[in-house]
Amino acid sequence: MLKKKKGKINEIVYNNIAYYNGKFMYYPTITGLNGILEEIIYSNSTTDYLRITPFYINERLNYQIEFEEYMFYIECRDLVDKEDQEKHIKECINVPDTPRQFNDLVVVEILYPLCQKDDVNSFRNALEKYKEYLSELLIKMMEITKAEMKLKEKDLPFGYFCFEIHSG
């Protein structure tokens, strides 16, 4: 059961993904995600964290792939300085227990940004960068999906990307 949390962004997330009083969750497609991100961007607010995990479902093959390595996770802390940012990026690059081995600092900065709780502009900018990166990311995830699922042309219309969203 999904509980409704206080805060503008938490309410936006809850109102867009919960139904039957939080008993069930809806996983938006890219169109729904873009709408939710727009709502969050224009809320002029921040939250403790926002996590978005993409996954691909193919109904014809009855198969699903989660892309935790391409999860977006923004954390807002009371105080963030340049040293915190650098340490955080290093931690995100060197993760031994996941397939995520990023050598591209730009991708890490887009997918795992830090911001200060009261800095609405940096929070908004991080979400805008993620939205822009999504078109590139979807292409990359589709290539992985095609290879892993061995998708054929006839399978493509039965598949779609969805996103699990959490906030706090």
N, C-alpha and C. Protein backbone atom coordinates (compact mmCIF):
# COMPACT_ATOMS: atom_id res chain seq x y z
N MET A 1 0.84 -1.18 0.00
CA MET A 1 0.00 0.00 0.00
C MET A 1 0.88 1.24 0.00
N LEU A 2 0.60 2.14 -0.89
CA LEU A 2 1.34 3.38 -1.03
C LEU A 2 0.72 4.44 -0.13
N LYS A 3 1.53 5.03 0.73
CA LYS A 3 1.02 6.06 1.64
C LYS A 3 1.24 7.43 1.05
N LYS A 4 0.27 8.29 1.25
CA LYS A 4 0.37 9.67 0.79
C LYS A 4 1.28 10.42 1.74
N LYS A 5 2.31 11.07 1.19
CA LYS A 5 3.28 11.82 1.98
C LYS A 5 3.03 13.31 1.81
N LYS A 6 3.46 14.09 2.78
CA LYS A 6 3.30 15.54 2.72
C LYS A 6 4.33 16.15 1.77
N GLY A 7 3.96 17.28 1.19
CA GLY A 7 4.85 18.00 0.30
C GLY A 7 4.28 18.04 -1.10
N LYS A 8 4.52 19.14 -1.81
CA LYS A 8 3.98 19.33 -3.16
C LYS A 8 4.37 18.20 -4.11
N ILE A 9 5.65 17.90 -4.14
CA ILE A 9 6.14 16.89 -5.10
C ILE A 9 5.63 15.51 -4.74
N ASN A 10 5.63 15.19 -3.45
CA ASN A 10 5.11 13.90 -3.02
C ASN A 10 3.63 13.75 -3.40
N GLU A 11 2.88 14.84 -3.30
CA GLU A 11 1.47 14.80 -3.70
C GLU A 11 1.32 14.63 -5.21
N ILE A 12 2.16 15.31 -5.98
CA ILE A 12 2.13 15.16 -7.44
C ILE A 12 2.39 13.70 -7.81
N VAL A 13 3.43 13.12 -7.23
CA VAL A 13 3.77 11.72 -7.53
C VAL A 13 2.61 10.81 -7.13
N TYR A 14 2.12 10.97 -5.92
CA TYR A 14 1.02 10.13 -5.42
C TYR A 14 -0.21 10.24 -6.33
N ASN A 15 -0.58 11.48 -6.66
CA ASN A 15 -1.78 11.69 -7.47
C ASN A 15 -1.65 11.12 -8.88
N ASN A 16 -0.43 10.94 -9.36
CA ASN A 16 -0.21 10.42 -10.70
C ASN A 16 0.06 8.92 -10.76
N ILE A 17 0.39 8.31 -9.63
CA ILE A 17 0.73 6.88 -9.71
C ILE A 17 -0.13 5.98 -8.81
N ALA A 18 -0.82 6.55 -7.85
CA ALA A 18 -1.60 5.72 -6.92
C ALA A 18 -3.07 5.70 -7.35
N TYR A 19 -3.70 4.55 -7.14
CA TYR A 19 -5.14 4.48 -7.33
C TYR A 19 -5.74 3.48 -6.34
N TYR A 20 -7.05 3.53 -6.19
CA TYR A 20 -7.76 2.78 -5.16
C TYR A 20 -7.17 3.08 -3.78
N ASN A 21 -7.08 4.38 -3.49
CA ASN A 21 -6.59 4.87 -2.19
C ASN A 21 -5.21 4.34 -1.84
N GLY A 22 -4.34 4.23 -2.85
CA GLY A 22 -2.97 3.82 -2.62
C GLY A 22 -2.75 2.32 -2.57
N LYS A 23 -3.79 1.54 -2.84
CA LYS A 23 -3.63 0.08 -2.82
C LYS A 23 -2.83 -0.42 -4.02
N PHE A 24 -2.89 0.33 -5.12
CA PHE A 24 -2.21 -0.07 -6.34
C PHE A 24 -1.41 1.10 -6.91
N MET A 25 -0.38 0.76 -7.69
CA MET A 25 0.45 1.78 -8.33
C MET A 25 0.32 1.67 -9.83
N TYR A 26 0.31 2.82 -10.46
CA TYR A 26 0.30 2.93 -11.90
C TYR A 26 1.73 3.25 -12.33
N TYR A 27 2.23 2.60 -13.37
CA TYR A 27 3.57 2.84 -13.88
C TYR A 27 3.44 3.58 -15.22
N PRO A 28 3.70 4.87 -15.23
CA PRO A 28 3.49 5.64 -16.46
C PRO A 28 4.46 5.27 -17.57
N THR A 29 3.99 5.45 -18.81
CA THR A 29 4.86 5.31 -19.98
C THR A 29 5.62 6.63 -20.12
N ILE A 30 6.39 6.78 -21.18
CA ILE A 30 7.19 7.99 -21.37
C ILE A 30 6.31 9.23 -21.44
N THR A 31 5.15 9.14 -22.05
CA THR A 31 4.24 10.28 -22.14
C THR A 31 3.78 10.71 -20.74
N GLY A 32 3.37 9.74 -19.93
CA GLY A 32 2.94 10.04 -18.57
C GLY A 32 4.08 10.58 -17.73
N LEU A 33 5.26 10.00 -17.89
CA LEU A 33 6.43 10.48 -17.13
C LEU A 33 6.73 11.93 -17.47
N ASN A 34 6.70 12.27 -18.75
CA ASN A 34 6.96 13.66 -19.14
C ASN A 34 5.96 14.62 -18.51
N GLY A 35 4.71 14.22 -18.45
CA GLY A 35 3.68 15.05 -17.80
C GLY A 35 3.96 15.23 -16.31
N ILE A 36 4.33 14.15 -15.65
CA ILE A 36 4.64 14.21 -14.21
C ILE A 36 5.85 15.10 -13.98
N LEU A 37 6.89 14.92 -14.79
CA LEU A 37 8.09 15.75 -14.64
C LEU A 37 7.76 17.22 -14.86
N GLU A 38 6.92 17.53 -15.83
CA GLU A 38 6.51 18.92 -16.06
C GLU A 38 5.81 19.48 -14.83
N GLU A 39 4.91 18.71 -14.26
CA GLU A 39 4.19 19.14 -13.05
C GLU A 39 5.17 19.42 -11.92
N ILE A 40 6.13 18.52 -11.74
CA ILE A 40 7.12 18.68 -10.68
C ILE A 40 7.98 19.91 -10.93
N ILE A 41 8.43 20.08 -12.17
CA ILE A 41 9.28 21.22 -12.51
C ILE A 41 8.57 22.54 -12.21
N TYR A 42 7.29 22.61 -12.54
CA TYR A 42 6.55 23.86 -12.33
C TYR A 42 5.97 24.01 -10.93
N SER A 43 6.26 23.06 -10.05
CA SER A 43 5.75 23.16 -8.67
C SER A 43 6.55 24.14 -7.81
N ASN A 44 7.71 24.56 -8.32
CA ASN A 44 8.60 25.46 -7.56
C ASN A 44 8.88 24.92 -6.16
N SER A 45 9.23 23.65 -6.12
CA SER A 45 9.47 22.98 -4.85
C SER A 45 10.58 21.95 -5.03
N THR A 46 11.08 21.44 -3.91
CA THR A 46 12.01 20.31 -3.91
C THR A 46 11.45 19.26 -2.96
N THR A 47 12.10 18.12 -2.92
CA THR A 47 11.71 17.06 -2.01
C THR A 47 12.99 16.38 -1.54
N ASP A 48 12.89 15.48 -0.57
CA ASP A 48 14.09 14.80 -0.08
C ASP A 48 14.76 13.98 -1.18
N TYR A 49 13.94 13.26 -1.94
CA TYR A 49 14.49 12.48 -3.06
C TYR A 49 13.39 12.21 -4.08
N LEU A 50 13.83 11.92 -5.28
CA LEU A 50 12.93 11.48 -6.35
C LEU A 50 13.70 10.39 -7.09
N ARG A 51 13.07 9.21 -7.22
CA ARG A 51 13.70 8.07 -7.89
C ARG A 51 12.79 7.59 -9.01
N ILE A 52 13.38 7.44 -10.19
CA ILE A 52 12.63 6.98 -11.36
C ILE A 52 13.40 5.81 -11.97
N THR A 53 12.77 4.64 -11.96
CA THR A 53 13.42 3.43 -12.48
C THR A 53 12.68 2.97 -13.73
N PRO A 54 13.39 2.94 -14.88
CA PRO A 54 12.75 2.49 -16.12
C PRO A 54 12.72 0.97 -16.24
N PHE A 55 11.69 0.48 -16.92
CA PHE A 55 11.64 -0.93 -17.27
C PHE A 55 10.89 -1.09 -18.58
N TYR A 56 11.11 -2.20 -19.23
CA TYR A 56 10.49 -2.49 -20.52
C TYR A 56 9.66 -3.75 -20.38
N ILE A 57 8.45 -3.71 -20.92
CA ILE A 57 7.55 -4.86 -20.89
C ILE A 57 7.19 -5.22 -22.33
N ASN A 58 7.20 -6.51 -22.63
CA ASN A 58 6.70 -6.96 -23.92
C ASN A 58 5.59 -7.96 -23.63
N GLU A 59 4.37 -7.56 -23.97
CA GLU A 59 3.19 -8.39 -23.68
C GLU A 59 3.16 -9.67 -24.52
N ARG A 60 3.65 -9.59 -25.73
CA ARG A 60 3.63 -10.77 -26.60
C ARG A 60 4.55 -11.87 -26.04
N LEU A 61 5.71 -11.45 -25.55
CA LEU A 61 6.69 -12.41 -25.02
C LEU A 61 6.49 -12.67 -23.52
N ASN A 62 5.60 -11.88 -22.91
CA ASN A 62 5.36 -11.99 -21.47
C ASN A 62 6.69 -11.89 -20.70
N TYR A 63 7.43 -10.83 -21.01
CA TYR A 63 8.78 -10.67 -20.46
C TYR A 63 9.00 -9.21 -20.10
N GLN A 64 9.78 -9.00 -19.06
CA GLN A 64 10.06 -7.64 -18.58
C GLN A 64 11.54 -7.51 -18.22
N ILE A 65 12.11 -6.36 -18.52
CA ILE A 65 13.50 -6.05 -18.15
C ILE A 65 13.51 -4.76 -17.34
N GLU A 66 14.13 -4.80 -16.17
CA GLU A 66 14.30 -3.58 -15.37
C GLU A 66 15.67 -3.00 -15.65
N PHE A 67 15.73 -1.69 -15.69
CA PHE A 67 16.98 -0.99 -15.97
C PHE A 67 17.41 -0.18 -14.76
N GLU A 68 17.73 -0.88 -13.67
CA GLU A 68 18.16 -0.19 -12.46
C GLU A 68 19.43 0.61 -12.68
N GLU A 69 20.27 0.16 -13.61
CA GLU A 69 21.51 0.89 -13.87
C GLU A 69 21.24 2.24 -14.51
N TYR A 70 20.03 2.44 -15.05
CA TYR A 70 19.67 3.73 -15.65
C TYR A 70 18.61 4.47 -14.81
N MET A 71 18.55 4.13 -13.56
CA MET A 71 17.66 4.80 -12.63
C MET A 71 18.10 6.25 -12.47
N PHE A 72 17.12 7.15 -12.37
CA PHE A 72 17.37 8.55 -12.04
C PHE A 72 17.12 8.69 -10.56
N TYR A 73 18.08 9.26 -9.84
CA TYR A 73 17.91 9.45 -8.40
C TYR A 73 18.49 10.81 -8.02
N ILE A 74 17.60 11.72 -7.66
CA ILE A 74 18.04 13.02 -7.20
C ILE A 74 17.78 13.09 -5.70
N GLU A 75 18.79 13.54 -4.99
CA GLU A 75 18.69 13.67 -3.54
C GLU A 75 18.92 15.12 -3.17
N CYS A 76 18.07 15.64 -2.31
CA CYS A 76 18.21 17.01 -1.83
C CYS A 76 18.61 16.97 -0.36
N ARG A 77 19.73 17.57 -0.08
CA ARG A 77 20.28 17.59 1.28
C ARG A 77 20.23 18.99 1.86
N ASP A 78 20.39 19.06 3.18
CA ASP A 78 20.39 20.36 3.84
C ASP A 78 21.50 21.25 3.32
N LEU A 79 22.66 20.65 3.12
CA LEU A 79 23.81 21.41 2.65
C LEU A 79 24.60 20.56 1.65
N VAL A 80 24.91 21.14 0.51
CA VAL A 80 25.68 20.44 -0.52
C VAL A 80 26.76 21.39 -1.01
N ASP A 81 28.01 20.91 -0.95
CA ASP A 81 29.11 21.73 -1.49
C ASP A 81 29.81 20.95 -2.60
N LYS A 82 30.81 21.57 -3.20
CA LYS A 82 31.52 20.96 -4.33
C LYS A 82 32.16 19.62 -3.93
N GLU A 83 32.69 19.53 -2.72
CA GLU A 83 33.31 18.30 -2.23
C GLU A 83 32.28 17.17 -2.13
N ASP A 84 31.08 17.49 -1.64
CA ASP A 84 30.00 16.49 -1.56
C ASP A 84 29.64 15.98 -2.96
N GLN A 85 29.55 16.91 -3.91
CA GLN A 85 29.22 16.56 -5.29
C GLN A 85 30.26 15.58 -5.86
N GLU A 86 31.54 15.91 -5.70
CA GLU A 86 32.61 15.07 -6.24
C GLU A 86 32.63 13.69 -5.60
N LYS A 87 32.45 13.64 -4.30
CA LYS A 87 32.42 12.36 -3.58
C LYS A 87 31.22 11.51 -4.06
N HIS A 88 30.08 12.15 -4.21
CA HIS A 88 28.87 11.47 -4.65
C HIS A 88 29.06 10.88 -6.06
N ILE A 89 29.64 11.64 -6.96
CA ILE A 89 29.88 11.17 -8.33
C ILE A 89 30.81 9.96 -8.33
N LYS A 90 31.88 10.02 -7.54
CA LYS A 90 32.81 8.88 -7.46
C LYS A 90 32.10 7.63 -6.95
N GLU A 91 31.22 7.80 -5.96
CA GLU A 91 30.48 6.66 -5.42
C GLU A 91 29.55 6.06 -6.47
N CYS A 92 28.97 6.91 -7.30
CA CYS A 92 28.04 6.43 -8.33
C CYS A 92 28.76 5.75 -9.48
N ILE A 93 29.99 6.14 -9.75
CA ILE A 93 30.75 5.52 -10.83
C ILE A 93 31.25 4.14 -10.42
N ASN A 94 31.70 4.00 -9.21
CA ASN A 94 32.33 2.76 -8.75
C ASN A 94 31.37 1.91 -7.91
N VAL A 95 30.33 1.38 -8.54
CA VAL A 95 29.36 0.55 -7.84
C VAL A 95 29.65 -0.91 -8.19
N PRO A 96 30.18 -1.70 -7.24
CA PRO A 96 30.62 -3.07 -7.56
C PRO A 96 29.49 -4.08 -7.74
N ASP A 97 28.30 -3.86 -7.14
CA ASP A 97 27.26 -4.89 -7.14
C ASP A 97 26.18 -4.69 -8.20
N THR A 98 26.39 -3.81 -9.14
CA THR A 98 25.41 -3.63 -10.21
C THR A 98 26.13 -3.62 -11.56
N PRO A 99 25.38 -3.79 -12.63
CA PRO A 99 26.02 -3.74 -13.95
C PRO A 99 26.40 -2.31 -14.35
N ARG A 100 26.11 -1.36 -13.47
CA ARG A 100 26.38 0.05 -13.79
C ARG A 100 27.86 0.36 -13.59
N GLN A 101 28.55 0.50 -14.66
CA GLN A 101 29.95 0.91 -14.63
C GLN A 101 30.09 2.07 -15.59
N PHE A 102 29.77 3.24 -15.12
CA PHE A 102 29.81 4.42 -15.98
C PHE A 102 31.21 5.00 -16.02
N ASN A 103 31.67 5.29 -17.20
CA ASN A 103 32.92 6.01 -17.36
C ASN A 103 32.64 7.45 -17.75
N ASP A 104 31.40 7.71 -18.10
CA ASP A 104 30.99 9.02 -18.56
C ASP A 104 30.45 9.84 -17.38
N LEU A 105 31.24 10.80 -16.94
CA LEU A 105 30.85 11.64 -15.79
C LEU A 105 29.58 12.42 -16.07
N VAL A 106 29.38 12.81 -17.30
CA VAL A 106 28.18 13.59 -17.66
C VAL A 106 26.92 12.76 -17.39
N VAL A 107 26.94 11.48 -17.77
CA VAL A 107 25.79 10.60 -17.54
C VAL A 107 25.54 10.44 -16.05
N VAL A 108 26.58 10.27 -15.26
CA VAL A 108 26.43 10.13 -13.82
C VAL A 108 25.85 11.41 -13.22
N GLU A 109 26.33 12.54 -13.68
CA GLU A 109 25.81 13.81 -13.17
C GLU A 109 24.34 13.99 -13.53
N ILE A 110 23.92 13.47 -14.68
CA ILE A 110 22.51 13.58 -15.09
C ILE A 110 21.65 12.62 -14.29
N LEU A 111 22.09 11.37 -14.13
CA LEU A 111 21.27 10.34 -13.48
C LEU A 111 21.29 10.39 -11.96
N TYR A 112 22.33 10.93 -11.36
CA TYR A 112 22.45 10.91 -9.90
C TYR A 112 22.83 12.27 -9.33
N PRO A 113 22.04 13.29 -9.60
CA PRO A 113 22.39 14.63 -9.12
C PRO A 113 22.10 14.81 -7.62
N LEU A 114 22.82 15.73 -7.05
CA LEU A 114 22.57 16.18 -5.67
C LEU A 114 22.15 17.63 -5.76
N CYS A 115 21.31 18.04 -4.84
CA CYS A 115 20.99 19.47 -4.75
C CYS A 115 20.69 19.82 -3.30
N GLN A 116 20.68 21.08 -3.05
CA GLN A 116 20.36 21.57 -1.72
C GLN A 116 18.85 21.68 -1.61
N LYS A 117 18.30 21.37 -0.41
CA LYS A 117 16.85 21.34 -0.23
C LYS A 117 16.14 22.63 -0.61
N ASP A 118 16.78 23.74 -0.39
CA ASP A 118 16.11 25.01 -0.68
C ASP A 118 16.47 25.58 -2.05
N ASP A 119 17.17 24.83 -2.87
CA ASP A 119 17.59 25.30 -4.18
C ASP A 119 16.67 24.75 -5.28
N VAL A 120 15.55 25.42 -5.47
CA VAL A 120 14.56 25.00 -6.45
C VAL A 120 15.13 25.02 -7.86
N ASN A 121 15.97 26.00 -8.16
CA ASN A 121 16.53 26.11 -9.52
C ASN A 121 17.41 24.93 -9.88
N SER A 122 18.29 24.50 -8.98
CA SER A 122 19.15 23.36 -9.31
C SER A 122 18.34 22.07 -9.40
N PHE A 123 17.30 21.95 -8.59
CA PHE A 123 16.41 20.79 -8.65
C PHE A 123 15.70 20.76 -10.00
N ARG A 124 15.14 21.89 -10.39
CA ARG A 124 14.44 22.02 -11.67
C ARG A 124 15.39 21.74 -12.84
N ASN A 125 16.61 22.30 -12.78
CA ASN A 125 17.59 22.09 -13.85
C ASN A 125 17.97 20.62 -13.98
N ALA A 126 18.11 19.93 -12.85
CA ALA A 126 18.44 18.50 -12.88
C ALA A 126 17.33 17.71 -13.56
N LEU A 127 16.08 18.05 -13.28
CA LEU A 127 14.95 17.37 -13.91
C LEU A 127 14.89 17.67 -15.41
N GLU A 128 15.19 18.90 -15.79
CA GLU A 128 15.20 19.27 -17.21
C GLU A 128 16.29 18.49 -17.96
N LYS A 129 17.48 18.38 -17.35
CA LYS A 129 18.56 17.62 -17.99
C LYS A 129 18.18 16.16 -18.16
N TYR A 130 17.53 15.60 -17.14
CA TYR A 130 17.09 14.22 -17.23
C TYR A 130 16.06 14.05 -18.35
N LYS A 131 15.10 14.96 -18.43
CA LYS A 131 14.10 14.90 -19.50
C LYS A 131 14.75 14.92 -20.88
N GLU A 132 15.74 15.77 -21.05
CA GLU A 132 16.46 15.85 -22.32
C GLU A 132 17.22 14.56 -22.61
N TYR A 133 17.83 14.00 -21.58
CA TYR A 133 18.64 12.78 -21.74
C TYR A 133 17.77 11.55 -22.02
N LEU A 134 16.50 11.60 -21.64
CA LEU A 134 15.61 10.45 -21.82
C LEU A 134 15.53 9.96 -23.26
N SER A 135 15.53 10.87 -24.23
CA SER A 135 15.43 10.42 -25.62
C SER A 135 16.65 9.59 -26.01
N GLU A 136 17.83 10.00 -25.56
CA GLU A 136 19.05 9.23 -25.80
C GLU A 136 19.04 7.92 -25.01
N LEU A 137 18.58 8.00 -23.78
CA LEU A 137 18.54 6.85 -22.89
C LEU A 137 17.58 5.77 -23.41
N LEU A 138 16.42 6.19 -23.90
CA LEU A 138 15.45 5.22 -24.43
C LEU A 138 16.02 4.45 -25.61
N ILE A 139 16.77 5.12 -26.47
CA ILE A 139 17.40 4.45 -27.61
C ILE A 139 18.40 3.41 -27.11
N LYS A 140 19.21 3.80 -26.13
CA LYS A 140 20.20 2.88 -25.55
C LYS A 140 19.52 1.67 -24.90
N MET A 141 18.45 1.92 -24.13
CA MET A 141 17.74 0.82 -23.47
C MET A 141 17.03 -0.08 -24.49
N MET A 142 16.55 0.50 -25.58
CA MET A 142 15.89 -0.31 -26.61
C MET A 142 16.88 -1.24 -27.27
N GLU A 143 18.10 -0.78 -27.51
CA GLU A 143 19.14 -1.65 -28.09
C GLU A 143 19.44 -2.82 -27.15
N ILE A 144 19.53 -2.53 -25.86
CA ILE A 144 19.77 -3.59 -24.87
C ILE A 144 18.59 -4.56 -24.87
N THR A 145 17.39 -4.02 -24.91
CA THR A 145 16.18 -4.84 -24.90
C THR A 145 16.11 -5.75 -26.13
N LYS A 146 16.38 -5.18 -27.29
CA LYS A 146 16.34 -5.98 -28.52
C LYS A 146 17.32 -7.15 -28.44
N ALA A 147 18.51 -6.88 -27.93
CA ALA A 147 19.54 -7.92 -27.84
C ALA A 147 19.16 -8.97 -26.79
N GLU A 148 18.77 -8.50 -25.60
CA GLU A 148 18.50 -9.44 -24.51
C GLU A 148 17.25 -10.28 -24.76
N MET A 149 16.21 -9.66 -25.30
CA MET A 149 14.96 -10.38 -25.55
C MET A 149 14.95 -11.06 -26.92
N LYS A 150 15.96 -10.75 -27.73
CA LYS A 150 15.99 -11.26 -29.10
C LYS A 150 14.71 -10.87 -29.84
N LEU A 151 14.36 -9.60 -29.72
CA LEU A 151 13.12 -9.10 -30.32
C LEU A 151 13.19 -9.13 -31.84
N LYS A 152 12.08 -9.51 -32.41
CA LYS A 152 11.92 -9.48 -33.86
C LYS A 152 10.99 -8.32 -34.19
N GLU A 153 10.97 -7.94 -35.44
CA GLU A 153 10.13 -6.83 -35.90
C GLU A 153 8.67 -7.02 -35.45
N LYS A 154 8.16 -8.24 -35.55
CA LYS A 154 6.76 -8.51 -35.20
C LYS A 154 6.48 -8.37 -33.70
N ASP A 155 7.52 -8.39 -32.85
CA ASP A 155 7.35 -8.27 -31.41
C ASP A 155 7.28 -6.81 -30.94
N LEU A 156 7.85 -5.91 -31.72
CA LEU A 156 8.00 -4.51 -31.29
C LEU A 156 6.69 -3.82 -30.92
N PRO A 157 5.60 -4.00 -31.68
CA PRO A 157 4.37 -3.29 -31.32
C PRO A 157 3.77 -3.70 -29.96
N PHE A 158 4.24 -4.80 -29.40
CA PHE A 158 3.69 -5.30 -28.15
C PHE A 158 4.51 -4.90 -26.92
N GLY A 159 5.49 -4.04 -27.14
CA GLY A 159 6.35 -3.65 -26.03
C GLY A 159 6.29 -2.16 -25.74
N TYR A 160 6.66 -1.80 -24.52
CA TYR A 160 6.66 -0.40 -24.12
C TYR A 160 7.52 -0.21 -22.88
N PHE A 161 8.02 1.02 -22.71
CA PHE A 161 8.78 1.38 -21.52
C PHE A 161 7.83 1.99 -20.50
N CYS A 162 8.07 1.66 -19.24
CA CYS A 162 7.33 2.24 -18.13
C CYS A 162 8.35 2.72 -17.09
N PHE A 163 7.85 3.46 -16.12
CA PHE A 163 8.72 4.03 -15.11
C PHE A 163 8.09 3.90 -13.73
N GLU A 164 8.87 3.36 -12.81
CA GLU A 164 8.45 3.30 -11.41
C GLU A 164 8.96 4.56 -10.75
N ILE A 165 8.07 5.27 -10.07
CA ILE A 165 8.44 6.57 -9.47
C ILE A 165 8.19 6.54 -7.97
N HIS A 166 9.19 6.98 -7.22
CA HIS A 166 9.08 7.12 -5.76
C HIS A 166 9.59 8.51 -5.38
N SER A 167 9.02 9.05 -4.34
CA SER A 167 9.51 10.32 -3.82
C SER A 167 9.41 10.30 -2.30
N GLY A 168 10.13 11.19 -1.70
CA GLY A 168 10.09 11.24 -0.23
C GLY A 168 10.52 12.58 0.28
